[in-house]
């Protein structure tokens, strides 16, 4: 609110005119007519998941992302996701008076690195019990690793063509088809 008030004061000081109108309306600032895009911008914020628990009067915004496996990067991506959806959280707080709005970010590194304590805490908050939490975490890690392997295989396939022509490495030669038969590494 303070930023908005400051922006309006500065617009008034520059143009001599105040911006009038509510969200979603056309208003005049200076010599230009402009559309207040706040409402439109909120509609573009589509989280990966939204859970409404009417009994507990809680709305959970779920967001997932993948990044590199550096724990600092994982934390930074989580912060960016929270910042990105802050306006949505605020809008839901205004619309759903009496509800608690909580955002949960599930961020994973390409090789399966996670903030395990945070994931466990969030999954417990959503009502999952410990045996199921362990299975969820392992499955997410396995899918992440397998997804990374598929990307590697497909990029090799593009480099060599569709039919498994030979790939030359520094130490040995293998065909793409032989590399595909290598067992997948996974968790579990």
Protein backbone atom coordinates (compact mmCIF):
# COMPACT_ATOMS: atom_id res chain seq x y z
CA UNK A 1 0.00 0.00 0.00
CA UNK A 2 2.81 2.37 0.86
CA UNK A 3 4.47 1.81 -2.53
CA UNK A 4 1.19 2.35 -4.33
CA UNK A 5 0.49 5.55 -2.40
CA UNK A 6 4.00 6.81 -3.14
CA UNK A 7 3.57 5.98 -6.83
CA UNK A 8 0.25 7.81 -6.94
CA UNK A 9 1.76 10.84 -5.19
CA UNK A 10 4.65 10.93 -7.63
CA UNK A 11 2.27 10.55 -10.60
CA UNK A 12 0.19 13.38 -9.17
CA UNK A 13 3.26 15.56 -8.67
CA UNK A 14 4.42 14.94 -12.26
CA UNK A 15 1.09 15.24 -14.06
CA UNK A 16 -0.96 17.36 -11.70
CA UNK A 17 -3.75 14.77 -11.96
CA UNK A 18 -4.70 11.93 -9.68
CA UNK A 19 -5.28 8.43 -10.92
CA UNK A 20 -8.86 7.41 -10.31
CA UNK A 21 -10.67 4.17 -10.70
CA UNK A 22 -10.62 0.70 -9.23
CA UNK A 23 -8.92 -2.50 -10.28
CA UNK A 24 -9.86 -3.47 -13.82
CA UNK A 25 -11.07 -0.02 -14.84
CA UNK A 26 -9.75 2.43 -17.37
CA UNK A 27 -8.32 5.53 -15.76
CA UNK A 28 -6.44 8.63 -16.81
CA UNK A 29 -2.88 9.31 -15.72
CA UNK A 30 -1.37 12.39 -17.26
CA UNK A 31 -2.28 12.55 -20.91
CA UNK A 32 -2.71 8.78 -21.30
CA UNK A 33 -5.66 6.50 -20.78
CA UNK A 34 -4.50 3.22 -19.34
CA UNK A 35 -6.00 0.00 -18.18
CA UNK A 36 -5.28 -1.02 -14.62
CA UNK A 37 -3.76 -4.44 -15.25
CA UNK A 38 -3.58 -5.64 -11.66
CA UNK A 39 -6.65 -7.87 -12.02
CA UNK A 40 -5.47 -9.18 -15.39
CA UNK A 41 -2.01 -9.95 -13.98
CA UNK A 42 -3.53 -11.93 -11.10
CA UNK A 43 -5.39 -14.12 -13.60
CA UNK A 44 -2.07 -15.09 -15.17
CA UNK A 45 -0.78 -16.46 -11.85
CA UNK A 46 -1.72 -20.10 -12.07
CA UNK A 47 -0.11 -22.16 -9.32
CA UNK A 48 0.60 -25.86 -9.85
CA UNK A 49 -1.96 -26.78 -7.23
CA UNK A 50 -4.64 -25.24 -5.04
CA UNK A 51 -6.24 -27.05 -2.11
CA UNK A 52 -9.19 -25.61 -0.22
CA UNK A 53 -9.83 -27.22 3.17
CA UNK A 54 -13.22 -25.82 4.18
CA UNK A 55 -13.19 -27.69 7.50
CA UNK A 56 -9.93 -26.12 8.65
CA UNK A 57 -10.61 -22.92 6.67
CA UNK A 58 -7.22 -23.09 4.97
CA UNK A 59 -6.23 -22.59 1.34
CA UNK A 60 -2.93 -24.12 0.24
CA UNK A 61 -1.15 -22.83 -2.85
CA UNK A 62 1.18 -25.54 -4.15
CA UNK A 63 4.08 -24.72 -6.41
CA UNK A 64 6.78 -27.02 -7.73
CA UNK A 65 9.96 -26.35 -9.64
CA UNK A 66 13.19 -28.00 -10.71
CA UNK A 67 16.58 -26.37 -10.68
CA UNK A 68 20.20 -27.35 -10.27
CA UNK A 69 21.25 -29.31 -7.20
CA UNK A 70 22.95 -26.51 -5.28
CA UNK A 71 21.05 -26.10 -2.00
CA UNK A 72 21.45 -22.30 -2.14
CA UNK A 73 19.86 -22.26 -5.59
CA UNK A 74 17.00 -24.44 -4.33
CA UNK A 75 16.38 -21.98 -1.47
CA UNK A 76 16.56 -19.00 -3.86
CA UNK A 77 14.06 -20.58 -6.27
CA UNK A 78 11.70 -21.16 -3.34
CA UNK A 79 12.02 -17.49 -2.34
CA UNK A 80 11.34 -16.38 -5.93
CA UNK A 81 8.24 -18.60 -6.10
CA UNK A 82 6.96 -17.08 -2.85
CA UNK A 83 7.56 -13.57 -4.19
CA UNK A 84 5.87 -14.41 -7.48
CA UNK A 85 2.67 -15.60 -5.80
CA UNK A 86 2.61 -13.01 -3.00
CA UNK A 87 -0.04 -10.93 -4.80
CA UNK A 88 -2.21 -14.02 -5.26
CA UNK A 89 -1.85 -14.85 -1.56
CA UNK A 90 -2.81 -11.28 -0.65
CA UNK A 91 -5.78 -11.32 -3.04
CA UNK A 92 -7.05 -14.61 -1.59
CA UNK A 93 -6.71 -13.18 1.93
CA UNK A 94 -8.94 -10.27 0.91
CA UNK A 95 -11.47 -12.51 -0.86
CA UNK A 96 -11.60 -15.35 1.67
CA UNK A 97 -11.84 -13.53 4.99
CA UNK A 98 -11.45 -16.01 7.85
CA UNK A 99 -9.31 -18.40 5.80
CA UNK A 100 -5.59 -18.92 6.31
CA UNK A 101 -3.66 -18.83 3.04
CA UNK A 102 -0.45 -20.85 2.93
CA UNK A 103 1.95 -21.32 0.05
CA UNK A 104 4.01 -24.48 -0.15
CA UNK A 105 6.94 -24.68 -2.55
CA UNK A 106 8.29 -28.09 -3.51
CA UNK A 107 11.64 -27.40 -5.18
CA UNK A 108 13.88 -30.22 -6.42
CA UNK A 109 17.30 -30.36 -8.01
CA UNK A 110 17.75 -32.18 -11.32
CA UNK A 111 19.52 -35.04 -9.55
CA UNK A 112 16.94 -35.30 -6.79
CA UNK A 113 18.28 -32.87 -4.19
CA UNK A 114 15.58 -31.46 -1.92
CA UNK A 115 15.20 -29.64 1.37
CA UNK A 116 13.98 -32.82 3.03
CA UNK A 117 12.91 -31.34 6.36
CA UNK A 118 10.84 -28.70 4.57
CA UNK A 119 9.21 -31.29 2.27
CA UNK A 120 8.36 -33.53 5.25
CA UNK A 121 6.90 -30.62 7.23
CA UNK A 122 4.77 -29.46 4.27
CA UNK A 123 3.53 -32.97 3.48
CA UNK A 124 2.60 -33.46 7.15
CA UNK A 125 0.70 -30.18 7.06
CA UNK A 126 -1.24 -31.51 4.07
CA UNK A 127 -2.23 -34.54 6.17
CA UNK A 128 0.17 -37.23 4.96
CA UNK A 129 1.61 -39.70 7.50
CA UNK A 130 5.24 -40.82 7.68
CA UNK A 131 5.20 -44.04 5.59
CA UNK A 132 3.39 -42.23 2.77
CA UNK A 133 5.70 -39.18 3.05
CA UNK A 134 8.74 -41.41 2.58
CA UNK A 135 7.19 -43.01 -0.53
CA UNK A 136 6.25 -39.62 -2.00
CA UNK A 137 9.76 -38.24 -1.52
CA UNK A 138 11.43 -41.34 -2.99
CA UNK A 139 9.09 -41.39 -5.97
CA UNK A 140 9.71 -37.69 -6.69
CA UNK A 141 13.48 -38.27 -6.53
CA UNK A 142 13.26 -41.30 -8.81
CA UNK A 143 11.10 -39.47 -11.36
CA UNK A 144 13.50 -36.51 -11.31
CA UNK A 145 16.52 -38.71 -11.96
CA UNK A 146 14.75 -40.71 -14.67
CA UNK A 147 13.60 -37.46 -16.31
CA UNK A 148 17.17 -36.19 -16.37
CA UNK A 149 18.32 -39.46 -17.95
CA UNK A 150 15.63 -39.21 -20.64
CA UNK A 151 16.79 -35.71 -21.49
CA UNK A 152 20.37 -36.99 -21.78
CA UNK A 153 19.30 -39.92 -24.01
CA UNK A 154 17.19 -37.71 -26.24
CA UNK A 155 19.99 -35.17 -26.66
CA UNK A 156 22.36 -37.98 -27.62
CA UNK A 157 19.75 -39.28 -30.04
CA UNK A 158 19.54 -35.86 -31.70
CA UNK A 159 23.32 -35.68 -32.01
CA UNK A 160 23.63 -39.11 -33.62
CA UNK A 161 20.36 -39.41 -35.51
CA UNK A 162 17.39 -41.71 -35.03
CA UNK A 163 18.97 -45.06 -35.96
CA UNK A 164 21.65 -45.47 -33.30
CA UNK A 165 24.67 -44.53 -35.38
CA UNK A 166 27.97 -44.72 -33.57
CA UNK A 167 28.99 -42.12 -31.03
CA UNK A 168 32.68 -41.55 -30.47
CA UNK A 169 33.89 -40.92 -26.96
CA UNK A 170 37.40 -40.19 -25.79
CA UNK A 171 38.00 -43.70 -24.51
CA UNK A 172 35.61 -46.03 -26.31
CA UNK A 173 32.87 -46.31 -28.92
CA UNK A 174 29.31 -47.34 -28.19
CA UNK A 175 26.06 -47.06 -30.06
CA UNK A 176 23.17 -45.09 -28.66
CA UNK A 177 21.18 -48.32 -28.47
CA UNK A 178 23.87 -49.91 -26.29
CA UNK A 179 23.87 -46.88 -23.99
CA UNK A 180 20.10 -47.12 -23.64
CA UNK A 181 20.40 -50.65 -22.36
CA UNK A 182 22.46 -49.41 -19.41
CA UNK A 183 20.44 -49.82 -16.21
CA UNK A 184 18.80 -46.66 -14.91
CA UNK A 185 20.03 -45.22 -11.66
CA UNK A 186 17.26 -44.53 -9.20
CA UNK A 187 16.26 -44.24 -5.60
CA UNK A 188 14.41 -46.95 -3.93
